[in-house]
Each structure stands twice: as structure tokens, then as C-alpha cells.
Amino acid sequence: MKKINVKEVIIITVSLVVICAISSVLLALTNNITKDKIAALAVEKENATKSEVLADAEKFSDAKTVSLNGTDYTYYDGLSSSGEVVGYVFAVAGKGYGGNLRIMVGIGSDGKVKGVSPLELNETAGLGMKAQNEDFLNQYNGKSAGIGVAKNSPASNEIQALTGATITSKAVTNAVNTAFELMNTVKGGWY
């Protein structure tokens, strides 16, 4: 059996500590340099997504906050060119299979979904990530409150679950249904 050389162990340990310290400093510097750009890109994405999920709106109000079950959510009034409210856009979150997801939901003044788009989706590649595909998201358009999920042959107010990703399908649907609850709160019990 080889004898342990204390000097070699100390040199290796000190080297690893120095490498870790330098790496940590470099990561902190990189984060500090990029955090503002990342935040600006997130705001830009949200602004583009608002127009995507509520295409009837010519402009949007400033961000507003509504509380539901002790959680604050951001929403926007979608406005026509004359300033009339044509719908609402809600940023909602849910718990999917791979972690948290954030989606933006547009609901028209008629109480129907106008569009759904993910802001953040961390689901399983090839399965749950299909929740960002238009074919899946377009299923919500025209649906009203109380949307369900079906594995086969969905009814009129249900969506077809993604094969192998039922948890993700339910998470997105729960988030869309949360948007309806938020709209109910904003409108003072409209449905």
C-alpha cells in the first residue's frame, strides 16, 4: 500500500480551493454583467407575448396586480384604439412535471380564451416540451372557464392531453383555469 504524502494532499486541496474561488468570482461577475440584459429580454418577450395572446388589443395598460388565494398575479387590460377594454392578459404559473412553468393567457371580454403562450417551460424534452407547440396551445382558443383534460376524445370544453405528458397538460390547463379565476376577481364575479 502506498504511503499518503501529506504535502501532495495539501497542494491538491489548496489548488482545488483556489480554482473554486476563481470560478465563483467569475460566475458572479458574469451574472452581474448579464442580469440587466436578461431582465430586459424577459420584459421584451412578455410584451411581444401580450400581443400574441390577445391580438384584438391595439395597446395594453400598465401592469396591474390581482391577488388570488394569497398569491399576487400580474395582468394587463387589452385596449382597443379608442381605449375600450377588449380583454385581459394574465401571467400565471403552475407546477409541471419538470418544475415551474409560467404562461401568458389572453381572455377576451366574451370570456373565451384568445391565446396561450409559455413564458417559461422546463419540462421533459420530447414530451412535456411539446406543450409549447402551436397545435397543443391552439386547443385552448375559444374555450371558456372550467377547461378539462382528456386522454382520448376530448369534449367541447376539454383539451387533448399530450401523449406521455399528462402532468404537463394538466399543469398548463390549471394555469389557464387560474387565469379565468383571476378574470372573475378583476371583473367582480362576471361568470
Protein backbone atom coordinates (compact mmCIF):
# COMPACT_ATOMS: atom_id res chain seq x y z
CA MET A 1 0.00 0.00 0.00
CA LYS A 2 1.26 3.43 -0.96
CA LYS A 3 2.00 5.85 1.81
CA ILE A 4 -0.01 9.12 1.84
CA ASN A 5 2.13 12.14 1.17
CA VAL A 6 0.71 14.99 3.26
CA LYS A 7 2.42 17.63 1.15
CA GLU A 8 0.74 16.35 -2.06
CA VAL A 9 -2.68 16.28 -0.38
CA ILE A 10 -2.28 19.87 0.82
CA ILE A 11 -1.15 21.08 -2.61
CA ILE A 12 -4.12 19.38 -4.33
CA THR A 13 -6.56 20.72 -1.72
CA VAL A 14 -5.27 24.29 -1.97
CA SER A 15 -5.31 24.10 -5.78
CA LEU A 16 -8.94 22.96 -5.81
CA VAL A 17 -9.97 25.67 -3.34
CA VAL A 18 -8.28 28.36 -5.48
CA ILE A 19 -9.91 27.03 -8.67
CA CYS A 20 -13.35 27.01 -6.99
CA ALA A 21 -12.85 30.54 -5.63
CA ILE A 22 -11.80 31.90 -9.03
CA SER A 23 -14.72 30.13 -10.73
CA SER A 24 -17.17 31.57 -8.20
CA VAL A 25 -15.85 35.10 -8.70
CA LEU A 26 -16.05 34.76 -12.49
CA LEU A 27 -19.62 33.42 -12.31
CA ALA A 28 -20.65 36.27 -10.01
CA LEU A 29 -19.10 38.83 -12.37
CA THR A 30 -20.79 37.25 -15.38
CA ASN A 31 -24.14 37.27 -13.60
CA ASN A 32 -23.68 40.90 -12.60
CA ILE A 33 -22.85 41.90 -16.18
CA THR A 34 -25.73 39.97 -17.80
CA LYS A 35 -28.59 40.31 -15.28
CA ASP A 36 -29.89 43.61 -16.69
CA LYS A 37 -29.84 42.27 -20.25
CA ILE A 38 -31.63 39.09 -19.17
CA ALA A 39 -34.29 41.15 -17.37
CA ALA A 40 -34.73 43.40 -20.42
CA LEU A 41 -35.13 40.36 -22.70
CA ALA A 42 -37.76 38.91 -20.34
CA VAL A 43 -39.75 42.17 -20.45
CA GLU A 44 -39.42 42.26 -24.25
CA LYS A 45 -40.68 38.68 -24.50
CA GLU A 46 -43.63 39.43 -22.23
CA ASN A 47 -44.56 42.49 -24.31
CA ALA A 48 -44.47 40.50 -27.54
CA THR A 49 -46.42 37.67 -25.95
CA LYS A 50 -49.21 40.02 -24.79
CA SER A 51 -49.92 40.96 -28.40
CA GLU A 52 -49.75 37.31 -29.42
CA VAL A 53 -52.30 36.02 -26.87
CA LEU A 54 -54.72 38.95 -27.26
CA ALA A 55 -54.40 40.02 -30.88
CA ASP A 56 -57.64 42.07 -30.69
CA ALA A 57 -55.91 44.62 -28.44
CA GLU A 58 -54.26 47.64 -30.02
CA LYS A 59 -52.47 48.53 -26.79
CA PHE A 60 -52.19 47.41 -23.19
CA SER A 61 -52.50 49.06 -19.81
CA ASP A 62 -49.57 49.23 -17.46
CA ALA A 63 -49.05 46.12 -15.36
CA LYS A 64 -51.65 45.61 -12.66
CA THR A 65 -51.76 43.16 -9.77
CA VAL A 66 -54.58 40.94 -8.59
CA SER A 67 -54.43 38.54 -5.62
CA LEU A 68 -55.91 35.07 -5.52
CA ASN A 69 -55.52 32.73 -2.55
CA GLY A 70 -52.70 34.82 -1.15
CA THR A 71 -50.68 34.93 -4.39
CA ASP A 72 -50.21 38.08 -6.48
CA TYR A 73 -50.51 37.82 -10.27
CA THR A 74 -49.72 40.37 -12.95
CA TYR A 75 -52.31 41.24 -15.56
CA TYR A 76 -52.94 43.82 -18.28
CA ASP A 77 -56.10 45.30 -19.74
CA GLY A 78 -56.15 44.83 -23.50
CA LEU A 79 -57.47 48.02 -25.06
CA SER A 80 -58.91 48.97 -28.44
CA SER A 81 -57.62 52.07 -30.23
CA SER A 82 -60.46 54.03 -28.56
CA GLY A 83 -59.43 52.79 -25.10
CA GLU A 84 -62.25 50.26 -24.65
CA VAL A 85 -61.31 47.04 -22.81
CA VAL A 86 -61.37 44.14 -25.30
CA GLY A 87 -59.90 41.56 -22.95
CA TYR A 88 -57.27 40.77 -20.37
CA VAL A 89 -53.85 39.17 -20.35
CA PHE A 90 -52.74 37.25 -17.27
CA ALA A 91 -49.28 35.94 -16.39
CA VAL A 92 -49.90 32.75 -14.42
CA ALA A 93 -47.72 30.00 -13.03
CA GLY A 94 -48.10 26.32 -12.36
CA LYS A 95 -46.18 23.24 -11.33
CA GLY A 96 -45.41 20.89 -14.18
CA TYR A 97 -43.58 17.59 -14.28
CA GLY A 98 -40.15 19.19 -14.74
CA GLY A 99 -40.65 22.17 -12.45
CA ASN A 100 -42.39 25.50 -12.51
CA LEU A 101 -43.97 26.86 -15.65
CA ARG A 102 -45.16 30.36 -16.45
CA ILE A 103 -47.66 31.07 -19.18
CA MET A 104 -49.47 34.09 -20.50
CA VAL A 105 -53.19 33.76 -21.19
CA GLY A 106 -55.35 36.16 -23.18
CA ILE A 107 -59.07 36.13 -22.39
CA GLY A 108 -61.46 38.25 -24.40
CA SER A 109 -64.30 40.30 -22.94
CA ASP A 110 -66.59 37.50 -24.13
CA GLY A 111 -65.00 35.13 -21.57
CA LYS A 112 -63.23 32.96 -24.15
CA VAL A 113 -59.53 32.15 -24.42
CA LYS A 114 -57.95 34.14 -27.24
CA GLY A 115 -54.44 32.73 -26.86
CA VAL A 116 -52.00 30.88 -24.61
CA SER A 117 -48.21 31.12 -24.77
CA PRO A 118 -45.48 29.83 -22.46
CA LEU A 119 -43.06 32.30 -20.91
CA GLU A 120 -41.08 29.64 -19.05
CA LEU A 121 -41.31 25.90 -19.57
CA ASN A 122 -38.89 23.37 -18.06
CA GLU A 123 -40.50 20.09 -18.99
CA THR A 124 -39.07 16.82 -20.29
CA ALA A 125 -37.51 17.20 -23.73
CA GLY A 126 -39.52 15.47 -26.43
CA LEU A 127 -42.58 15.00 -24.22
CA GLY A 128 -43.60 17.86 -21.94
CA MET A 129 -41.83 20.44 -24.07
CA LYS A 130 -44.45 19.75 -26.74
CA ALA A 131 -46.65 21.99 -24.59
CA GLN A 132 -45.07 24.92 -26.41
CA ASN A 133 -46.22 23.66 -29.82
CA GLU A 134 -48.98 25.64 -31.54
CA ASP A 135 -51.08 22.51 -32.10
CA PHE A 136 -51.29 21.96 -28.37
CA LEU A 137 -51.74 25.61 -27.37
CA ASN A 138 -54.38 26.33 -30.02
CA GLN A 139 -56.68 23.79 -28.36
CA TYR A 140 -57.42 26.39 -25.67
CA ASN A 141 -58.62 29.06 -28.10
CA GLY A 142 -62.36 29.64 -27.83
CA LYS A 143 -62.71 27.65 -24.60
CA SER A 144 -64.36 29.12 -21.51
CA ALA A 145 -63.84 28.66 -17.76
CA GLY A 146 -63.51 25.16 -16.36
CA ILE A 147 -61.36 23.59 -19.07
CA GLY A 148 -60.62 19.89 -18.54
CA VAL A 149 -58.02 17.47 -19.86
CA ALA A 150 -58.87 14.25 -21.69
CA LYS A 151 -56.51 11.47 -22.69
CA ASN A 152 -58.84 10.46 -25.54
CA SER A 153 -61.74 12.13 -27.37
CA PRO A 154 -61.98 15.47 -25.56
CA ALA A 155 -65.40 17.04 -25.00
CA SER A 156 -66.17 20.60 -26.09
CA ASN A 157 -64.51 22.29 -23.09
CA GLU A 158 -61.59 19.86 -22.80
CA ILE A 159 -58.20 19.66 -24.45
CA GLN A 160 -56.40 16.55 -25.67
CA ALA A 161 -53.53 15.71 -23.30
CA LEU A 162 -50.07 15.38 -24.75
CA THR A 163 -49.13 11.73 -25.11
CA GLY A 164 -46.75 10.83 -22.30
CA ALA A 165 -47.09 14.28 -20.72
CA THR A 166 -50.43 14.31 -18.95
CA ILE A 167 -48.96 16.11 -15.93
CA THR A 168 -47.71 18.93 -18.15
CA SER A 169 -51.07 19.10 -19.96
CA LYS A 170 -52.89 19.37 -16.63
CA ALA A 171 -50.42 21.99 -15.34
CA VAL A 172 -50.98 24.24 -18.37
CA THR A 173 -54.74 23.72 -18.14
CA ASN A 174 -54.73 24.52 -14.41
CA ALA A 175 -52.82 27.72 -15.18
CA VAL A 176 -55.37 28.68 -17.85
CA ASN A 177 -58.20 27.99 -15.40
CA THR A 178 -56.39 30.15 -12.84
CA ALA A 179 -56.49 32.98 -15.41
CA PHE A 180 -60.29 32.60 -15.51
CA GLU A 181 -60.43 32.82 -11.71
CA LEU A 182 -58.29 35.95 -11.89
CA MET A 183 -60.57 37.46 -14.50
CA ASN A 184 -63.53 36.68 -12.26
CA THR A 185 -61.78 38.57 -9.45
CA VAL A 186 -60.89 41.52 -11.71
CA LYS A 187 -64.39 41.76 -13.17
CA GLY A 188 -66.12 41.20 -9.80
CA GLY A 189 -67.78 37.86 -10.46
CA TRP A 190 -68.62 38.02 -14.14
CA TYR A 191 -69.25 34.29 -14.69
